[in-house]
N, C-alpha and C. Protein backbone atom coordinates (compact mmCIF):
# COMPACT_ATOMS: atom_id res chain seq x y z
N MET A 1 32.19 19.14 106.13
CA MET A 1 33.40 20.12 106.36
C MET A 1 34.35 19.15 107.02
N ARG A 2 35.66 19.43 106.76
CA ARG A 2 36.81 18.82 107.30
C ARG A 2 37.58 19.66 108.29
N GLU A 3 37.35 19.42 109.64
CA GLU A 3 38.01 20.28 110.62
C GLU A 3 39.36 19.66 110.94
N VAL A 4 40.43 20.42 110.63
CA VAL A 4 41.81 19.96 110.98
C VAL A 4 42.14 20.42 112.28
N GLN A 5 42.66 19.56 113.19
CA GLN A 5 43.07 19.88 114.45
C GLN A 5 44.38 19.19 114.84
N THR A 6 44.92 19.39 116.03
CA THR A 6 46.14 18.98 116.44
C THR A 6 45.99 17.88 117.54
N ILE A 7 46.93 17.11 117.92
CA ILE A 7 46.95 16.18 118.97
C ILE A 7 46.81 17.06 120.45
N ASP A 8 47.48 18.14 120.43
CA ASP A 8 47.18 19.05 121.65
C ASP A 8 45.72 19.37 121.92
N TYR A 9 44.96 19.64 120.82
CA TYR A 9 43.53 19.81 120.87
C TYR A 9 42.90 18.61 121.64
N LEU A 10 43.28 17.40 121.09
CA LEU A 10 42.59 16.25 121.71
C LEU A 10 42.75 16.23 123.25
N TYR A 11 43.97 16.56 123.70
CA TYR A 11 44.12 16.62 125.15
C TYR A 11 43.30 17.56 125.90
N SER A 12 42.63 18.56 125.20
CA SER A 12 41.84 19.57 125.79
C SER A 12 40.33 19.10 125.80
N LYS A 13 40.05 17.92 125.26
CA LYS A 13 38.71 17.44 125.10
C LYS A 13 38.55 16.14 125.85
N GLU A 14 37.40 15.91 126.51
CA GLU A 14 36.97 14.65 127.02
C GLU A 14 36.36 13.66 126.02
N ARG A 15 35.53 14.28 125.10
CA ARG A 15 35.04 13.55 123.99
C ARG A 15 34.87 14.46 122.73
N LEU A 16 34.61 13.85 121.55
CA LEU A 16 34.47 14.63 120.39
C LEU A 16 33.11 14.74 119.97
N ASP A 17 32.67 15.82 119.63
CA ASP A 17 31.19 16.08 119.25
C ASP A 17 30.98 15.62 117.74
N TYR A 18 32.12 15.76 117.05
CA TYR A 18 32.15 15.38 115.67
C TYR A 18 33.60 15.04 115.27
N PRO A 19 33.74 14.22 114.22
CA PRO A 19 35.09 13.88 113.81
C PRO A 19 36.05 15.01 113.54
N ILE A 20 37.28 14.88 113.69
CA ILE A 20 38.29 15.83 113.33
C ILE A 20 39.47 15.09 112.47
N VAL A 21 40.31 15.89 111.92
CA VAL A 21 41.38 15.30 111.03
C VAL A 21 42.72 15.79 111.73
N LEU A 22 43.51 14.79 111.82
CA LEU A 22 44.92 15.05 112.27
C LEU A 22 45.76 14.88 110.99
N GLU A 23 46.49 15.81 110.49
CA GLU A 23 47.34 15.84 109.30
C GLU A 23 48.79 15.51 109.65
N ASP A 24 49.39 14.81 108.83
CA ASP A 24 50.78 14.56 108.80
C ASP A 24 51.26 14.03 110.15
N VAL A 25 50.49 12.98 110.66
CA VAL A 25 51.05 12.28 111.89
C VAL A 25 51.97 11.12 111.59
N VAL A 26 52.98 10.92 112.43
CA VAL A 26 53.88 9.79 112.17
C VAL A 26 53.63 8.72 113.28
N VAL A 27 53.60 7.53 112.81
CA VAL A 27 53.44 6.33 113.66
C VAL A 27 54.82 6.07 114.39
N VAL A 28 55.03 6.50 115.55
CA VAL A 28 56.35 6.32 116.26
C VAL A 28 56.60 5.02 116.88
N PHE A 29 55.43 4.29 117.15
CA PHE A 29 55.58 3.01 117.88
C PHE A 29 54.27 2.23 117.45
N LYS A 30 54.46 0.95 117.18
CA LYS A 30 53.28 0.14 116.99
C LYS A 30 53.44 -1.28 117.46
N ARG A 31 52.47 -1.79 118.21
CA ARG A 31 52.45 -3.09 118.59
C ARG A 31 51.06 -3.65 118.38
N GLY A 32 50.95 -4.70 117.64
CA GLY A 32 49.62 -5.22 117.41
C GLY A 32 48.75 -4.09 116.77
N ASN A 33 47.49 -3.83 117.44
CA ASN A 33 46.50 -2.90 116.99
C ASN A 33 46.61 -1.72 117.68
N HIS A 34 47.69 -1.38 118.37
CA HIS A 34 47.91 -0.17 119.24
C HIS A 34 49.09 0.44 118.59
N ALA A 35 49.13 1.80 118.84
CA ALA A 35 50.23 2.65 118.26
C ALA A 35 50.27 4.01 118.99
N VAL A 36 51.49 4.63 118.90
CA VAL A 36 51.68 5.95 119.39
C VAL A 36 52.00 6.90 118.15
N ILE A 37 51.21 7.99 118.05
CA ILE A 37 51.43 8.89 116.97
C ILE A 37 51.91 10.23 117.55
N LYS A 38 52.68 10.94 116.63
CA LYS A 38 53.02 12.34 116.94
C LYS A 38 52.90 13.11 115.65
N GLN A 39 52.75 14.50 115.90
CA GLN A 39 52.84 15.47 114.72
C GLN A 39 54.08 16.13 114.61
N ASP A 40 54.85 16.21 115.73
CA ASP A 40 56.08 17.02 115.75
C ASP A 40 56.90 16.47 116.97
N LYS A 41 58.26 16.45 116.84
CA LYS A 41 59.01 15.88 117.87
C LYS A 41 58.91 16.54 119.21
N SER A 42 58.62 17.94 119.10
CA SER A 42 58.56 18.72 120.36
C SER A 42 57.24 18.70 121.01
N GLN A 43 56.23 18.11 120.28
CA GLN A 43 54.81 18.08 120.89
C GLN A 43 54.40 16.72 121.54
N ARG A 44 53.43 16.61 122.21
CA ARG A 44 52.95 15.37 122.82
C ARG A 44 52.52 14.30 121.74
N GLY A 45 52.67 12.99 122.22
CA GLY A 45 52.16 11.96 121.28
C GLY A 45 50.88 11.57 121.94
N ILE A 46 50.00 10.56 121.27
CA ILE A 46 48.89 10.16 121.77
C ILE A 46 48.65 8.68 121.24
N MET A 47 48.17 7.79 122.13
CA MET A 47 47.95 6.45 121.81
C MET A 47 46.62 6.16 120.91
N LEU A 48 46.96 5.32 120.06
CA LEU A 48 45.82 4.83 119.17
C LEU A 48 45.43 3.33 120.01
N PHE A 49 44.46 3.15 120.53
CA PHE A 49 44.04 1.93 121.32
C PHE A 49 43.02 1.17 120.50
N GLY A 50 43.57 -0.01 120.02
CA GLY A 50 42.67 -0.86 119.36
C GLY A 50 42.18 -0.47 117.88
N CYS A 51 42.92 0.48 117.38
CA CYS A 51 42.48 1.10 116.07
C CYS A 51 43.63 1.48 115.12
N ALA A 52 44.79 0.71 115.26
CA ALA A 52 45.82 1.02 114.48
C ALA A 52 45.99 0.07 113.36
N ARG A 53 45.02 -0.76 113.02
CA ARG A 53 45.14 -1.72 111.92
C ARG A 53 45.41 -0.98 110.66
N GLY A 54 46.26 -1.40 109.79
CA GLY A 54 46.64 -0.72 108.58
C GLY A 54 47.69 0.29 108.69
N LEU A 55 48.00 0.65 109.78
CA LEU A 55 49.04 1.64 109.95
C LEU A 55 50.43 0.97 110.14
N GLU A 56 51.49 1.56 109.66
CA GLU A 56 52.89 1.05 109.85
C GLU A 56 53.80 1.99 110.59
N GLU A 57 54.66 1.38 111.42
CA GLU A 57 55.55 2.10 112.14
C GLU A 57 56.54 2.85 111.18
N GLY A 58 56.66 4.27 111.41
CA GLY A 58 57.61 5.01 110.52
C GLY A 58 56.83 5.56 109.28
N LYS A 59 55.63 5.30 109.27
CA LYS A 59 54.95 6.06 108.11
C LYS A 59 54.05 7.22 108.72
N ARG A 60 53.89 8.24 107.69
CA ARG A 60 53.05 9.26 108.05
C ARG A 60 51.74 9.26 107.33
N TYR A 61 50.68 9.78 108.07
CA TYR A 61 49.41 9.56 107.58
C TYR A 61 48.55 11.12 107.99
N ASP A 62 47.44 11.18 107.18
CA ASP A 62 46.39 11.97 107.57
C ASP A 62 45.40 11.10 108.11
N LEU A 63 44.76 11.28 109.35
CA LEU A 63 43.80 10.50 109.92
C LEU A 63 42.61 11.17 110.31
N ARG A 64 41.39 10.54 110.11
CA ARG A 64 40.23 11.07 110.74
C ARG A 64 39.97 10.37 112.16
N VAL A 65 39.83 11.22 113.03
CA VAL A 65 39.60 10.74 114.52
C VAL A 65 38.12 10.89 114.84
N GLN A 66 37.61 9.78 115.14
CA GLN A 66 36.06 9.69 115.54
C GLN A 66 35.78 9.79 116.94
N TRP A 67 36.54 9.05 117.83
CA TRP A 67 36.30 8.95 119.17
C TRP A 67 37.52 8.83 119.95
N ILE A 68 37.57 9.52 121.20
CA ILE A 68 38.66 9.49 122.10
C ILE A 68 38.07 9.19 123.56
N LYS A 69 38.96 8.73 124.33
CA LYS A 69 38.57 8.51 125.64
C LYS A 69 39.81 8.67 126.66
N THR A 70 39.57 8.73 127.95
CA THR A 70 40.66 8.71 128.89
C THR A 70 40.49 7.43 129.64
N TYR A 71 41.54 6.66 129.84
CA TYR A 71 41.48 5.49 130.51
C TYR A 71 42.49 5.60 131.69
N HIS A 72 41.99 5.68 132.88
CA HIS A 72 42.74 5.87 134.09
C HIS A 72 43.88 6.87 133.91
N GLY A 73 43.59 7.95 133.40
CA GLY A 73 44.50 9.06 133.19
C GLY A 73 45.28 9.16 131.86
N LEU A 74 45.16 8.05 131.03
CA LEU A 74 45.84 8.10 129.68
C LEU A 74 44.72 8.34 128.62
N LYS A 75 45.12 9.38 127.88
CA LYS A 75 44.38 9.79 126.74
C LYS A 75 44.49 8.89 125.66
N GLU A 76 43.51 8.46 125.01
CA GLU A 76 43.49 7.43 123.87
C GLU A 76 42.55 7.93 122.79
N ILE A 77 43.03 7.66 121.50
CA ILE A 77 42.03 7.64 120.40
C ILE A 77 41.66 6.18 120.24
N THR A 78 40.27 5.98 120.12
CA THR A 78 39.70 4.55 119.97
C THR A 78 39.08 4.22 118.67
N HIS A 79 38.91 5.23 117.75
CA HIS A 79 38.35 4.96 116.38
C HIS A 79 38.95 6.00 115.38
N THR A 80 39.65 5.39 114.42
CA THR A 80 40.18 6.36 113.38
C THR A 80 40.04 5.72 112.02
N GLN A 81 40.22 6.67 111.01
CA GLN A 81 40.21 6.10 109.60
C GLN A 81 41.23 6.74 108.86
N ILE A 82 42.15 6.17 108.06
CA ILE A 82 43.13 6.51 107.29
C ILE A 82 42.66 7.19 106.08
N LEU A 83 42.96 8.53 106.08
CA LEU A 83 42.63 9.36 104.92
C LEU A 83 43.53 9.41 103.71
N GLN A 84 44.88 9.41 104.13
CA GLN A 84 45.95 9.52 103.20
C GLN A 84 47.29 9.11 103.81
N GLU A 85 48.03 8.38 103.01
CA GLU A 85 49.49 8.12 103.42
C GLU A 85 50.41 9.16 102.83
N ARG A 86 51.35 9.61 103.68
CA ARG A 86 52.27 10.73 103.26
C ARG A 86 53.70 10.41 103.19
N GLY A 87 54.17 9.18 103.18
CA GLY A 87 55.48 8.87 103.21
C GLY A 87 56.12 8.34 104.51
N ARG A 88 57.38 8.33 104.69
CA ARG A 88 58.13 7.78 105.76
C ARG A 88 58.81 8.80 106.64
N SER A 89 59.21 8.44 107.90
CA SER A 89 60.00 9.29 108.73
C SER A 89 60.67 8.54 109.61
N GLU A 90 61.81 9.05 110.11
CA GLU A 90 62.63 8.29 111.00
C GLU A 90 62.08 8.49 112.52
N VAL A 91 61.68 7.28 113.03
CA VAL A 91 60.91 7.39 114.42
C VAL A 91 61.71 7.81 115.57
N ARG A 92 62.96 7.46 115.46
CA ARG A 92 63.79 7.68 116.76
C ARG A 92 64.00 9.17 117.02
N LYS A 93 63.83 9.99 116.13
CA LYS A 93 63.98 11.47 116.36
C LYS A 93 62.66 12.07 117.28
N TYR A 94 61.59 11.18 117.22
CA TYR A 94 60.46 11.53 118.07
C TYR A 94 60.43 10.93 119.49
N TYR A 95 61.39 10.24 119.71
CA TYR A 95 61.45 9.58 121.04
C TYR A 95 61.86 10.59 122.11
N ALA A 96 61.31 10.25 123.36
CA ALA A 96 61.75 10.97 124.65
C ALA A 96 63.13 10.64 124.85
N ARG A 97 63.85 11.46 125.60
CA ARG A 97 65.30 11.11 125.91
C ARG A 97 65.50 10.67 127.36
N LYS A 98 66.63 10.12 127.56
CA LYS A 98 66.95 9.70 128.99
C LYS A 98 66.86 10.88 129.91
N GLU A 99 67.22 12.04 129.38
CA GLU A 99 67.22 13.26 130.26
C GLU A 99 65.83 13.62 130.64
N ASP A 100 64.79 13.38 129.74
CA ASP A 100 63.44 13.71 130.03
C ASP A 100 63.07 12.72 131.33
N LEU A 101 63.57 11.48 131.28
CA LEU A 101 63.23 10.59 132.26
C LEU A 101 63.86 11.10 133.70
N LEU A 102 65.05 11.34 133.57
CA LEU A 102 65.92 11.75 134.85
C LEU A 102 65.43 13.07 135.47
N GLN A 103 64.89 14.02 134.51
CA GLN A 103 64.41 15.28 135.09
C GLN A 103 62.99 15.20 135.48
N GLY A 104 62.40 14.12 135.30
CA GLY A 104 60.88 14.01 135.77
C GLY A 104 60.08 14.56 134.81
N SER A 105 60.42 14.91 133.54
CA SER A 105 59.53 15.61 132.60
C SER A 105 58.90 14.75 131.52
N LEU A 106 58.98 13.39 131.68
CA LEU A 106 58.21 12.54 130.66
C LEU A 106 56.72 12.78 130.79
N LEU A 107 56.13 12.65 129.62
CA LEU A 107 54.62 12.73 129.69
C LEU A 107 54.01 11.39 129.15
N PRO A 108 52.83 11.17 129.49
CA PRO A 108 52.16 10.01 129.02
C PRO A 108 52.04 9.97 127.42
N ASN A 109 52.21 8.91 126.89
CA ASN A 109 51.98 8.67 125.51
C ASN A 109 53.26 9.07 124.73
N GLU A 110 54.45 9.12 125.26
CA GLU A 110 55.68 9.33 124.70
C GLU A 110 56.32 7.88 124.45
N VAL A 111 57.28 7.83 123.71
CA VAL A 111 58.07 6.53 123.45
C VAL A 111 59.48 6.94 123.94
N LEU A 112 60.04 5.90 124.93
CA LEU A 112 61.33 6.19 125.45
C LEU A 112 62.02 4.92 124.93
N GLY A 113 63.37 5.14 124.40
CA GLY A 113 64.20 4.07 123.98
C GLY A 113 65.54 4.25 124.37
N GLU A 114 66.34 3.14 124.22
CA GLU A 114 67.91 3.08 124.64
C GLU A 114 68.07 3.59 125.92
N ILE A 115 67.41 2.90 126.85
CA ILE A 115 67.62 3.28 128.25
C ILE A 115 68.02 2.10 129.02
N ILE A 116 69.12 2.25 129.87
CA ILE A 116 69.68 1.06 130.60
C ILE A 116 69.35 1.20 132.14
N GLY A 117 68.99 0.15 132.76
CA GLY A 117 68.68 0.34 134.26
C GLY A 117 68.66 -1.08 134.88
N ILE A 118 68.26 -1.11 136.17
CA ILE A 118 68.20 -2.29 137.00
C ILE A 118 66.77 -2.49 137.27
N MET A 119 66.27 -3.75 137.11
CA MET A 119 64.92 -4.23 137.55
C MET A 119 64.88 -4.42 138.99
N ARG A 120 64.12 -3.65 139.85
CA ARG A 120 63.91 -3.97 141.33
C ARG A 120 62.40 -3.73 141.68
N LYS A 121 61.82 -4.84 142.06
CA LYS A 121 60.52 -4.86 142.60
C LYS A 121 59.47 -4.06 141.64
N GLY A 122 59.46 -4.45 140.47
CA GLY A 122 58.56 -3.65 139.46
C GLY A 122 58.81 -2.33 139.00
N PHE A 123 60.13 -1.89 139.34
CA PHE A 123 60.62 -0.63 139.00
C PHE A 123 61.82 -0.71 138.14
N LEU A 124 62.16 0.16 137.17
CA LEU A 124 63.35 0.28 136.53
C LEU A 124 64.13 1.45 137.25
N GLU A 125 65.26 1.17 137.76
CA GLU A 125 66.11 2.11 138.37
C GLU A 125 67.23 2.62 137.43
N VAL A 126 67.16 3.82 137.05
CA VAL A 126 68.27 4.45 136.18
C VAL A 126 68.89 5.51 137.17
N GLY A 127 70.13 5.16 137.61
CA GLY A 127 70.86 6.00 138.59
C GLY A 127 69.96 6.06 139.91
N GLU A 128 69.64 7.43 140.26
CA GLU A 128 68.87 7.52 141.47
C GLU A 128 67.33 7.55 141.08
N TYR A 129 67.09 7.60 139.84
CA TYR A 129 65.66 7.71 139.41
C TYR A 129 65.01 6.22 139.28
N LYS A 130 63.71 6.12 139.90
CA LYS A 130 63.04 4.87 139.67
C LYS A 130 61.53 5.28 139.01
N ILE A 131 61.23 4.40 138.08
CA ILE A 131 59.73 4.52 137.51
C ILE A 131 59.25 2.99 137.41
N PRO A 132 57.91 2.94 137.60
CA PRO A 132 57.33 1.57 137.37
C PRO A 132 57.60 1.10 135.98
N LEU A 133 57.81 -0.33 135.92
CA LEU A 133 58.17 -0.86 134.55
C LEU A 133 57.14 -2.03 134.50
N TYR A 134 56.13 -1.94 133.48
CA TYR A 134 55.21 -2.98 133.28
C TYR A 134 55.47 -3.80 132.10
N PHE A 135 55.42 -5.10 132.11
CA PHE A 135 55.51 -5.95 130.97
C PHE A 135 54.21 -6.43 130.68
N LYS A 136 53.71 -6.18 129.32
CA LYS A 136 52.34 -6.57 128.83
C LYS A 136 52.14 -8.20 129.10
N LYS A 137 53.40 -8.88 128.80
CA LYS A 137 53.33 -10.26 128.99
C LYS A 137 54.16 -10.60 130.29
N LYS A 138 53.52 -10.94 131.26
CA LYS A 138 54.07 -11.18 132.55
C LYS A 138 55.36 -12.07 132.48
N LYS A 139 55.27 -13.07 131.61
CA LYS A 139 56.49 -14.09 131.59
C LYS A 139 57.65 -13.45 131.10
N LEU A 140 57.61 -12.27 130.45
CA LEU A 140 58.82 -11.58 130.00
C LEU A 140 59.59 -10.81 131.15
N THR A 141 58.89 -10.60 132.26
CA THR A 141 59.50 -9.82 133.30
C THR A 141 60.82 -10.35 133.79
N PRO A 142 61.87 -9.73 133.72
CA PRO A 142 63.12 -10.22 134.12
C PRO A 142 63.07 -10.30 135.81
N PRO A 143 63.95 -11.19 136.24
CA PRO A 143 64.12 -11.24 137.72
C PRO A 143 64.61 -10.02 138.41
N ASN A 144 64.30 -9.89 139.61
CA ASN A 144 64.75 -8.67 140.37
C ASN A 144 66.38 -8.65 140.40
N GLY A 145 66.84 -7.45 140.20
CA GLY A 145 68.28 -7.20 140.13
C GLY A 145 68.88 -7.39 138.80
N THR A 146 68.05 -7.70 137.78
CA THR A 146 68.56 -7.72 136.53
C THR A 146 68.80 -6.46 135.66
N LYS A 147 69.93 -6.39 135.10
CA LYS A 147 70.28 -5.21 134.34
C LYS A 147 69.81 -5.35 132.93
N ILE A 148 69.10 -4.42 132.48
CA ILE A 148 68.37 -4.52 131.17
C ILE A 148 68.64 -3.17 130.40
N LYS A 149 68.40 -3.36 129.04
CA LYS A 149 68.48 -2.24 128.11
C LYS A 149 67.20 -2.31 127.50
N ILE A 150 66.36 -1.20 127.57
CA ILE A 150 65.07 -1.06 126.82
C ILE A 150 65.30 -0.41 125.51
N HIS A 151 65.00 -1.03 124.40
CA HIS A 151 65.05 -0.42 123.09
C HIS A 151 63.90 0.42 122.85
N GLN A 152 62.73 0.04 123.24
CA GLN A 152 61.43 0.85 123.02
C GLN A 152 60.51 0.53 124.12
N SER A 153 59.96 1.58 124.73
CA SER A 153 58.82 1.47 125.74
C SER A 153 57.91 2.51 125.54
N HIS A 154 56.68 2.26 125.81
CA HIS A 154 55.56 3.25 125.73
C HIS A 154 55.49 3.86 127.11
N VAL A 155 55.50 5.18 127.19
CA VAL A 155 55.30 5.90 128.48
C VAL A 155 53.72 5.93 128.86
N GLY A 156 53.34 4.90 129.50
CA GLY A 156 51.98 4.75 129.75
C GLY A 156 51.47 5.49 131.19
N PHE A 157 50.22 5.35 131.45
CA PHE A 157 49.78 5.80 132.57
C PHE A 157 48.50 5.05 133.10
N TYR A 158 48.80 4.44 134.21
CA TYR A 158 47.54 3.66 134.71
C TYR A 158 47.64 3.99 136.32
N LYS A 159 47.00 5.07 136.64
CA LYS A 159 46.98 5.61 138.06
C LYS A 159 48.24 6.36 138.24
N ARG A 160 49.35 6.18 137.57
CA ARG A 160 50.59 6.80 137.72
C ARG A 160 51.43 6.53 136.42
N LEU A 161 52.38 7.38 136.26
CA LEU A 161 53.35 7.19 135.14
C LEU A 161 54.02 5.84 135.18
N GLN A 162 54.14 5.25 134.08
CA GLN A 162 54.91 3.94 134.06
C GLN A 162 55.48 3.73 132.69
N LEU A 163 56.47 2.91 132.49
CA LEU A 163 57.06 2.41 131.25
C LEU A 163 56.44 1.11 130.92
N VAL A 164 55.88 0.94 129.63
CA VAL A 164 55.27 -0.33 129.27
C VAL A 164 56.06 -0.90 128.23
N VAL A 165 56.54 -2.28 128.39
CA VAL A 165 57.27 -3.05 127.47
C VAL A 165 56.17 -3.98 126.90
N TYR A 166 56.14 -3.97 125.45
CA TYR A 166 55.15 -4.90 124.90
C TYR A 166 55.64 -6.26 124.42
N HIS A 167 56.85 -6.25 123.89
CA HIS A 167 57.37 -7.52 123.20
C HIS A 167 58.75 -7.74 123.59
N LYS A 168 59.23 -9.01 123.52
CA LYS A 168 60.55 -9.30 123.87
C LYS A 168 61.56 -8.59 123.03
N LYS A 169 61.32 -8.18 121.82
CA LYS A 169 62.28 -7.51 121.05
C LYS A 169 62.44 -6.14 121.45
N ASP A 170 61.57 -5.67 122.45
CA ASP A 170 61.73 -4.20 122.98
C ASP A 170 62.85 -4.08 124.07
N PHE A 171 63.41 -5.13 124.41
CA PHE A 171 64.35 -4.97 125.50
C PHE A 171 65.41 -6.28 125.49
N GLU A 172 66.50 -6.08 126.15
CA GLU A 172 67.54 -7.18 126.26
C GLU A 172 68.12 -7.30 127.64
N VAL A 173 68.44 -8.45 128.11
CA VAL A 173 69.12 -8.53 129.41
C VAL A 173 70.60 -8.45 129.23
N LEU A 174 71.22 -7.58 130.01
CA LEU A 174 72.57 -7.36 129.91
C LEU A 174 73.37 -8.14 131.03
N ASP A 175 74.60 -8.43 130.78
CA ASP A 175 75.53 -9.14 131.84
C ASP A 175 75.75 -8.15 132.93
């Protein structure tokens, strides 16, 4: 039997007793063997941790989800199988917006892009709002006081909400 579910369903579970199918998910963000997928722009995304091999950013898929876990507050899918490819989609329409950040309504496992702020002591300051900013490669971390533009970041959660930058192409230093 093929049980079709939604990403929201996965957030209601701590573990899966049997595999489920997610239909028509779009890979919104992919770095290495990790990705963020969404089914609809108004719904939550979820992280594929260590199991995104074979997936491409911007493509839509049906996936069989075999295992999930919660890591320090971040829900993750850890084992998947591609069932079917369904075409392409424009990923930017699935991104969270600057307003979501400023209103404090960002949720973990979203993708936030095209945001400008100042780096200060491990935080990105956007106007009056501050959020922790974590660089996967420490050597990419800009100096304190640097104005940067983030093209793509994963809204992660490690004990608290944070923006995660994976690659040097995901941001630029501004004058």
